[in-house]
C-alpha atoms as a PDB file:
ATOM      1  CA  GLN A   1      14.287  -6.514  -8.841  1.00  0.00           C
ATOM      2  CA  VAL A   2      11.714  -3.749  -8.795  1.00  0.00           C
ATOM      3  CA  GLN A   3      12.402  -0.261  -7.527  1.00  0.00           C
ATOM      4  CA  LEU A   4       9.550   1.250  -5.530  1.00  0.00           C
ATOM      5  CA  VAL A   5       9.101   4.882  -4.501  1.00  0.00           C
ATOM      6  CA  GLU A   6       6.257   6.072  -2.278  1.00  0.00           C
ATOM      7  CA  SER A   7       4.736   9.536  -2.145  1.00  0.00           C
ATOM      8  CA  GLY A   8       1.697  11.282  -0.735  1.00  0.00           C
ATOM      9  CA  GLY A   9       2.181  11.023   3.001  1.00  0.00           C
ATOM     10  CA  GLY A  10       1.466  13.896   5.352  1.00  0.00           C
ATOM     11  CA  LEU A  11      -0.522  15.237   8.268  1.00  0.00           C
ATOM     12  CA  VAL A  12      -4.307  14.992   8.254  1.00  0.00           C
ATOM     13  CA  GLN A  13      -7.052  15.387  10.833  1.00  0.00           C
ATOM     14  CA  ALA A  14      -9.116  12.444  11.994  1.00  0.00           C
ATOM     15  CA  GLY A  15     -11.922  11.758   9.561  1.00  0.00           C
ATOM     16  CA  GLY A  16      -9.914  13.132   6.670  1.00  0.00           C
ATOM     17  CA  SER A  17      -8.551  11.469   3.561  1.00  0.00           C
ATOM     18  CA  LEU A  18      -5.162  10.891   2.016  1.00  0.00           C
ATOM     19  CA  THR A  19      -3.929   9.011  -1.032  1.00  0.00           C
ATOM     20  CA  LEU A  20      -0.533   7.342  -1.100  1.00  0.00           C
ATOM     21  CA  SER A  21       1.085   6.491  -4.391  1.00  0.00           C
ATOM     22  CA  CYS A  22       3.814   3.992  -5.233  1.00  0.00           C
ATOM     23  CA  ALA A  23       5.730   4.191  -8.503  1.00  0.00           C
ATOM     24  CA  ALA A  24       7.409   1.011  -9.709  1.00  0.00           C
ATOM     25  CA  SER A  25      10.204   0.576 -12.190  1.00  0.00           C
ATOM     26  CA  GLY A  26      12.625  -2.125 -13.261  1.00  0.00           C
ATOM     27  CA  ARG A  27      10.458  -4.862 -14.732  1.00  0.00           C
ATOM     28  CA  THR A  28       7.060  -5.769 -16.121  1.00  0.00           C
ATOM     29  CA  PHE A  29       4.592  -4.462 -13.609  1.00  0.00           C
ATOM     30  CA  SER A  30       1.263  -5.846 -14.710  1.00  0.00           C
ATOM     31  CA  THR A  31       1.738  -9.353 -13.289  1.00  0.00           C
ATOM     32  CA  TYR A  32       3.450  -8.225 -10.096  1.00  0.00           C
ATOM     33  CA  ALA A  33       1.645  -8.457  -6.753  1.00  0.00           C
ATOM     34  CA  MET A  34       1.783  -5.171  -4.867  1.00  0.00           C
ATOM     35  CA  GLY A  35       1.015  -4.316  -1.291  1.00  0.00           C
ATOM     36  CA  TRP A  36       1.034  -1.659   1.375  1.00  0.00           C
ATOM     37  CA  PHE A  37       2.344  -2.156   4.900  1.00  0.00           C
ATOM     38  CA  ARG A  38       2.660   0.183   7.845  1.00  0.00           C
ATOM     39  CA  GLN A  39       4.708   0.459  10.996  1.00  0.00           C
ATOM     40  CA  ALA A  40       3.684   2.584  13.945  1.00  0.00           C
ATOM     41  CA  PRO A  41       6.190   3.703  16.592  1.00  0.00           C
ATOM     42  CA  GLY A  42       7.047   0.849  18.910  1.00  0.00           C
ATOM     43  CA  LYS A  43       5.045  -1.662  16.906  1.00  0.00           C
ATOM     44  CA  GLU A  44       5.814  -4.320  14.359  1.00  0.00           C
ATOM     45  CA  ARG A  45       5.230  -3.727  10.679  1.00  0.00           C
ATOM     46  CA  GLU A  46       1.795  -4.939   9.603  1.00  0.00           C
ATOM     47  CA  PHE A  47       0.056  -5.779   6.356  1.00  0.00           C
ATOM     48  CA  VAL A  48      -2.514  -3.237   5.157  1.00  0.00           C
ATOM     49  CA  ALA A  49      -3.616  -4.188   1.642  1.00  0.00           C
ATOM     50  CA  ALA A  50      -2.518  -6.066  -1.469  1.00  0.00           C
ATOM     51  CA  ILE A  51      -3.514  -6.242  -5.099  1.00  0.00           C
ATOM     52  CA  ARG A  52      -2.731  -8.565  -7.954  1.00  0.00           C
ATOM     53  CA  TRP A  53      -3.848  -8.530 -11.548  1.00  0.00           C
ATOM     54  CA  SER A  54      -6.474 -11.201 -12.037  1.00  0.00           C
ATOM     55  CA  SER A  55      -7.842 -11.310 -15.582  1.00  0.00           C
ATOM     56  CA  GLY A  56      -8.966  -8.807 -18.149  1.00  0.00           C
ATOM     57  CA  SER A  57      -9.257  -5.490 -16.370  1.00  0.00           C
ATOM     58  CA  THR A  58      -9.991  -6.925 -12.941  1.00  0.00           C
ATOM     59  CA  SER A  59      -7.684  -7.263  -9.966  1.00  0.00           C
ATOM     60  CA  TYR A  60      -7.787  -9.334  -6.809  1.00  0.00           C
ATOM     61  CA  THR A  61      -7.541  -7.255  -3.619  1.00  0.00           C
ATOM     62  CA  THR A  62      -7.227  -8.068   0.057  1.00  0.00           C
ATOM     63  CA  TYR A  63      -7.211  -5.886   3.195  1.00  0.00           C
ATOM     64  CA  ARG A  64      -6.564  -6.105   6.894  1.00  0.00           C
ATOM     65  CA  ASN A  65      -9.850  -6.007   8.796  1.00  0.00           C
ATOM     66  CA  SER A  66      -9.291  -2.659  10.487  1.00  0.00           C
ATOM     67  CA  VAL A  67      -9.097  -0.786   7.163  1.00  0.00           C
ATOM     68  CA  LYS A  68     -11.838  -2.557   5.222  1.00  0.00           C
ATOM     69  CA  GLY A  69     -14.410  -0.068   3.989  1.00  0.00           C
ATOM     70  CA  ARG A  70     -12.036   2.859   4.579  1.00  0.00           C
ATOM     71  CA  PHE A  71      -8.998   2.069   2.424  1.00  0.00           C
ATOM     72  CA  THR A  72      -8.920   1.122  -1.256  1.00  0.00           C
ATOM     73  CA  ILE A  73      -5.907  -0.197  -3.148  1.00  0.00           C
ATOM     74  CA  VAL A  74      -5.860   0.427  -6.881  1.00  0.00           C
ATOM     75  CA  ARG A  75      -3.278  -0.081  -9.578  1.00  0.00           C
ATOM     76  CA  ASP A  76      -2.634   1.521 -12.934  1.00  0.00           C
ATOM     77  CA  ASN A  77      -0.597  -0.852 -15.076  1.00  0.00           C
ATOM     78  CA  ALA A  78      -0.126   1.764 -17.785  1.00  0.00           C
ATOM     79  CA  LYS A  79       1.532   4.095 -15.290  1.00  0.00           C
ATOM     80  CA  ASN A  80       3.186   1.376 -13.186  1.00  0.00           C
ATOM     81  CA  THR A  81       1.650   2.769 -10.034  1.00  0.00           C
ATOM     82  CA  VAL A  82      -0.347   1.448  -7.127  1.00  0.00           C
ATOM     83  CA  ASP A  83      -2.286   3.823  -4.890  1.00  0.00           C
ATOM     84  CA  LEU A  84      -3.728   3.456  -1.425  1.00  0.00           C
ATOM     85  CA  GLN A  85      -6.788   5.652  -1.036  1.00  0.00           C
ATOM     86  CA  MET A  86      -7.436   6.224   2.656  1.00  0.00           C
ATOM     87  CA  ASN A  87     -10.708   7.680   3.922  1.00  0.00           C
ATOM     88  CA  ASN A  88     -12.097   8.321   7.395  1.00  0.00           C
ATOM     89  CA  LEU A  89      -8.614   8.225   8.825  1.00  0.00           C
ATOM     90  CA  LYS A  90      -8.136   7.557  12.524  1.00  0.00           C
ATOM     91  CA  PRO A  91      -5.272   8.420  14.872  1.00  0.00           C
ATOM     92  CA  GLU A  92      -4.419   4.720  15.050  1.00  0.00           C
ATOM     93  CA  ASP A  93      -3.656   4.819  11.314  1.00  0.00           C
ATOM     94  CA  THR A  94      -0.603   6.942  12.097  1.00  0.00           C
ATOM     95  CA  ALA A  95       2.478   5.096  10.840  1.00  0.00           C
ATOM     96  CA  ILE A  96       5.151   4.933   8.202  1.00  0.00           C
ATOM     97  CA  TYR A  97       3.543   3.341   5.157  1.00  0.00           C
ATOM     98  CA  TYR A  98       5.620   1.120   2.891  1.00  0.00           C
ATOM     99  CA  CYS A  99       4.965  -0.076  -0.616  1.00  0.00           C
ATOM    100  CA  ALA A 100       6.132  -3.592  -1.416  1.00  0.00           C
ATOM    101  CA  GLY A 101       5.969  -6.065  -4.253  1.00  0.00           C
ATOM    102  CA  ASP A 102       6.712  -9.604  -5.351  1.00  0.00           C
ATOM    103  CA  ASP A 103       5.793 -12.150  -8.007  1.00  0.00           C
ATOM    104  CA  SER A 104       4.028 -14.076  -5.259  1.00  0.00           C
ATOM    105  CA  LEU A 105       0.841 -12.634  -3.756  1.00  0.00           C
ATOM    106  CA  LEU A 106       1.322 -15.016  -0.839  1.00  0.00           C
ATOM    107  CA  LEU A 107       4.701 -13.485  -0.016  1.00  0.00           C
ATOM    108  CA  VAL A 108       3.142 -10.033  -0.119  1.00  0.00           C
ATOM    109  CA  GLN A 109       0.244 -11.050   2.121  1.00  0.00           C
ATOM    110  CA  THR A 110       2.552 -12.748   4.630  1.00  0.00           C
ATOM    111  CA  GLY A 111       4.917  -9.813   4.881  1.00  0.00           C
ATOM    112  CA  ALA A 112       7.851 -11.285   2.973  1.00  0.00           C
ATOM    113  CA  PRO A 113       7.898  -9.526  -0.412  1.00  0.00           C
ATOM    114  CA  ARG A 114      11.322  -9.077  -1.966  1.00  0.00           C
ATOM    115  CA  SER A 115      10.979  -5.446  -3.048  1.00  0.00           C
ATOM    116  CA  TRP A 116      10.349  -2.567  -0.661  1.00  0.00           C
ATOM    117  CA  GLY A 117      10.096   1.178  -0.859  1.00  0.00           C
ATOM    118  CA  ARG A 118      11.592   3.474   1.756  1.00  0.00           C
ATOM    119  CA  GLY A 119       8.287   4.514   3.237  1.00  0.00           C
ATOM    120  CA  THR A 120       6.217   7.650   3.682  1.00  0.00           C
ATOM    121  CA  GLN A 121       4.939   9.083   6.958  1.00  0.00           C
ATOM    122  CA  VAL A 122       1.220   9.398   7.626  1.00  0.00           C
ATOM    123  CA  THR A 123       0.148  11.256  10.749  1.00  0.00           C
ATOM    124  CA  VAL A 124      -3.497  11.514  11.795  1.00  0.00           C
ATOM    125  CA  SER A 125      -4.279  14.060  14.478  1.00  0.00           C
ATOM    126  CA  SER A 126      -7.248  13.720  16.795  1.00  0.00           C
END
């Protein structure tokens, strides 16, 4: 089991930027698939982005359509962290953001990873 702790949430104006960070501990991180999810008030939790080590120094990444071109997920295997860089934020990005991970990228992409952080609040004002 991996322990995940998010940080970096806060209040930002529309059009601004924010970077969320997730620190992982408890097992070998480099082969673990990691993802970010979010849940807005009154809505179901939704997938945002995922990343998995591919080969050499490259990683495979995937995003939900509404954040493509604005959000970037990156990992640092030496530091056991995965960041979500968010640019051009919109009020509809307001949510609690959760870090999650699993050995299976499919489980991450389908919202069923076995490890979850507690979440960090992101609020985007208009």
